[in-house]
Structure formats: C-alpha cells, structure tokens
Amino acid sequence: MKKNAPGILAALLVFLFFYTAVAKLSNLERFEAELLNQTIPKWSVPMLLWLLPVSELLAVALLVRAPTRLAGFYGSAALMLVFTLYMGLVLLDIFDREPCSCGGVLKSMGFEVHFIFNLLFLLLSITGIHLLKSENRRQVTDGKI
C-alpha cells in the first residue's frame, strides 16, 4: 500500500486540478468575472485568467508521470498553499467579504468547509513530497540509484 500511496495521492490531485482548470477554461468570461469579484488588484486579473488554469494543468502534467511526480507535488503544494492562505485571510476578516468564486461541488460546500478541503489537499501534496523523498533516500541507501 505504501508503495502505491504516491500514485494514489497524485491521482487525487490530478482529478482536482484537471477539474478546476477545465472549469475555468470552459467559461473564461465567467472565470474573469469571478476574478474581478476577488479582493485582488484588478490589474492582476488578465494575468491570472491564464496563469491559474495553465499552472493547474502543468501540475497535472507533472503528476501523471512518475519521473516528474515530485515536481508535481511541489507545484501542487505551492498552488494549494496560495489558495489556502488567501482563504485563511478571508476567514480572518482581513477582507470585507467572502469572495468565493468556487464552481461546481466546491461552491455548495460553503467557505469554511472549502478552506478545510484546501487544507486537506495541501496536506496530500506535502505527504506526496515526503513519501517520494523517503522512497528516493531508501533507493540511494540500498544502492538502487
């Protein structure tokens, strides 16, 4: 089971990031409107409109192949950390409103539950990093690399 764990974690992250990237790209006008509703500088919206879904798809591409999976876990952790920190600031009332632009299943969760969901996927990313690094250290120690 432990040997399969990085692949299972990667599959969960692939599903999440592929789903969210496709949702964004399939309706760019809606995604742009959602970005404009966020408490971010308006000048950043045109850049984020493409940067976010492309970054998510890059994470997917890295996660699906074993040789690049560690980089994919690092990318996933970075994305989830940024999303989770932003949501944490909202929950701490740093901003004047909850500007959630989540779509599909995530929208029905509510902001607090979505924050916990993000924490869970951040933890999955970090766990994947830990498991792969431990596996790599074991292979070096055993002389397999």
Protein backbone atom coordinates (compact mmCIF):
# COMPACT_ATOMS: atom_id res chain seq x y z
CA MET A 1 0.00 0.00 0.00
CA LYS A 2 2.76 2.45 0.94
CA LYS A 3 4.42 1.91 -2.44
CA ASN A 4 1.16 2.84 -4.21
CA ALA A 5 0.41 5.83 -1.97
CA PRO A 6 2.25 8.47 -4.07
CA GLY A 7 0.33 7.36 -7.17
CA ILE A 8 -2.99 7.48 -5.33
CA LEU A 9 -2.22 10.93 -3.92
CA ALA A 10 -1.14 12.11 -7.37
CA ALA A 11 -4.38 10.79 -8.89
CA LEU A 12 -6.48 12.74 -6.37
CA LEU A 13 -4.55 15.93 -7.12
CA VAL A 14 -4.76 15.31 -10.88
CA PHE A 15 -8.53 14.98 -10.61
CA LEU A 16 -8.81 18.21 -8.58
CA PHE A 17 -6.55 20.32 -10.77
CA PHE A 18 -7.85 18.96 -14.06
CA TYR A 19 -11.44 19.58 -12.96
CA THR A 20 -10.74 23.14 -11.81
CA ALA A 21 -8.62 24.06 -14.86
CA VAL A 22 -11.21 22.74 -17.31
CA ALA A 23 -13.99 24.55 -15.44
CA LYS A 24 -12.05 27.82 -15.72
CA LEU A 25 -11.08 27.39 -19.36
CA SER A 26 -14.51 26.20 -20.47
CA ASN A 27 -16.06 29.51 -19.46
CA LEU A 28 -13.37 32.19 -19.45
CA GLU A 29 -15.90 35.02 -19.26
CA ARG A 30 -17.39 33.64 -16.04
CA PHE A 31 -13.94 32.95 -14.61
CA GLU A 32 -12.86 36.53 -15.42
CA ALA A 33 -15.98 37.89 -13.70
CA GLU A 34 -15.20 35.71 -10.67
CA LEU A 35 -11.63 37.02 -10.59
CA LEU A 36 -12.92 40.58 -10.78
CA ASN A 37 -15.07 39.78 -7.71
CA GLN A 38 -11.97 38.81 -5.72
CA THR A 39 -10.17 41.12 -3.34
CA ILE A 40 -7.10 41.22 -5.57
CA PRO A 41 -5.73 44.12 -7.62
CA LYS A 42 -7.77 44.49 -10.81
CA TRP A 43 -4.57 44.81 -12.88
CA SER A 44 -3.70 41.20 -11.99
CA VAL A 45 -6.89 39.71 -13.44
CA PRO A 46 -5.78 39.42 -17.11
CA MET A 47 -2.60 37.63 -16.00
CA LEU A 48 -4.38 35.32 -13.50
CA LEU A 49 -7.05 34.48 -16.07
CA TRP A 50 -4.48 32.34 -17.87
CA LEU A 51 -1.83 31.77 -15.20
CA LEU A 52 -4.11 29.85 -12.82
CA PRO A 53 -5.56 27.24 -15.20
CA VAL A 54 -2.22 26.81 -17.02
CA SER A 55 -0.47 26.29 -13.66
CA GLU A 56 -3.09 23.72 -12.68
CA LEU A 57 -2.63 21.88 -15.99
CA LEU A 58 1.15 21.99 -15.56
CA ALA A 59 0.74 20.39 -12.13
CA VAL A 60 -1.42 17.70 -13.75
CA ALA A 61 1.19 17.04 -16.45
CA LEU A 62 3.94 16.71 -13.84
CA LEU A 63 1.88 14.48 -11.54
CA VAL A 64 0.86 11.91 -14.14
CA ARG A 65 4.42 10.77 -14.89
CA ALA A 66 6.48 9.08 -12.18
CA PRO A 67 9.78 10.79 -13.17
CA THR A 68 8.26 14.26 -12.72
CA ARG A 69 5.84 13.46 -9.89
CA LEU A 70 7.95 15.05 -7.15
CA ALA A 71 7.98 18.35 -9.06
CA GLY A 72 4.21 17.95 -9.49
CA PHE A 73 3.75 17.51 -5.75
CA TYR A 74 5.82 20.63 -5.11
CA GLY A 75 3.76 22.57 -7.66
CA SER A 76 0.53 21.26 -6.17
CA ALA A 77 1.66 22.22 -2.68
CA ALA A 78 2.55 25.73 -3.88
CA LEU A 79 -0.84 26.19 -5.57
CA MET A 80 -2.76 24.82 -2.60
CA LEU A 81 -0.72 26.93 -0.17
CA VAL A 82 -1.53 30.13 -2.08
CA PHE A 83 -5.23 29.27 -2.39
CA THR A 84 -5.44 28.24 1.28
CA LEU A 85 -3.58 31.31 2.58
CA TYR A 86 -5.90 33.56 0.59
CA MET A 87 -8.94 31.81 2.03
CA GLY A 88 -7.42 31.99 5.51
CA LEU A 89 -7.04 35.75 5.19
CA VAL A 90 -10.68 35.99 4.19
CA LEU A 91 -11.72 33.87 7.19
CA LEU A 92 -9.67 36.15 9.46
CA ASP A 93 -11.75 39.07 8.16
CA ILE A 94 -8.73 40.74 6.56
CA PHE A 95 -11.05 41.50 3.63
CA ASP A 96 -14.53 42.97 3.89
CA ARG A 97 -16.31 39.98 2.32
CA GLU A 98 -16.07 36.31 1.34
CA PRO A 99 -15.39 36.48 -2.41
CA CYS A 100 -15.56 32.77 -3.15
CA SER A 101 -15.62 32.06 -6.86
CA CYS A 102 -15.69 28.33 -6.49
CA GLY A 103 -17.62 26.35 -9.01
CA GLY A 104 -19.45 23.05 -9.06
CA VAL A 105 -19.29 20.92 -5.95
CA LEU A 106 -16.95 23.32 -4.17
CA LYS A 107 -19.46 26.19 -4.28
CA SER A 108 -22.03 24.14 -2.37
CA MET A 109 -19.54 23.47 0.45
CA GLY A 110 -19.53 26.91 2.00
CA PHE A 111 -16.41 28.94 2.59
CA GLU A 112 -15.25 27.32 5.85
CA VAL A 113 -15.68 23.77 4.53
CA HIS A 114 -13.87 24.75 1.32
CA PHE A 115 -10.99 26.06 3.46
CA ILE A 116 -10.76 22.66 5.21
CA PHE A 117 -10.97 20.95 1.80
CA ASN A 118 -7.99 23.06 0.65
CA LEU A 119 -6.06 22.22 3.81
CA LEU A 120 -6.67 18.54 3.13
CA PHE A 121 -5.33 18.78 -0.43
CA LEU A 122 -2.36 20.82 0.79
CA LEU A 123 -1.66 18.01 3.27
CA LEU A 124 -1.97 15.42 0.47
CA SER A 125 0.59 17.36 -1.58
CA ILE A 126 3.02 17.59 1.34
CA THR A 127 2.52 13.90 2.11
CA GLY A 128 3.32 13.05 -1.51
CA ILE A 129 6.55 15.05 -1.28
CA HIS A 130 7.50 13.29 1.94
CA LEU A 131 6.73 9.81 0.59
CA LEU A 132 8.67 10.31 -2.65
CA LYS A 133 11.66 11.85 -0.90
CA SER A 134 11.70 8.98 1.61
CA GLU A 135 11.47 6.47 -1.23
CA ASN A 136 14.33 8.18 -3.08
CA ARG A 137 16.51 8.18 0.07
CA ARG A 138 15.78 4.47 0.58
CA GLN A 139 16.77 3.69 -3.02
CA VAL A 140 20.04 5.62 -2.65
CA THR A 141 20.77 3.87 0.63
CA ASP A 142 20.00 0.48 -0.90
CA GLY A 143 22.24 1.27 -3.87
CA LYS A 144 19.41 1.14 -6.41
CA ILE A 145 20.24 4.56 -7.82
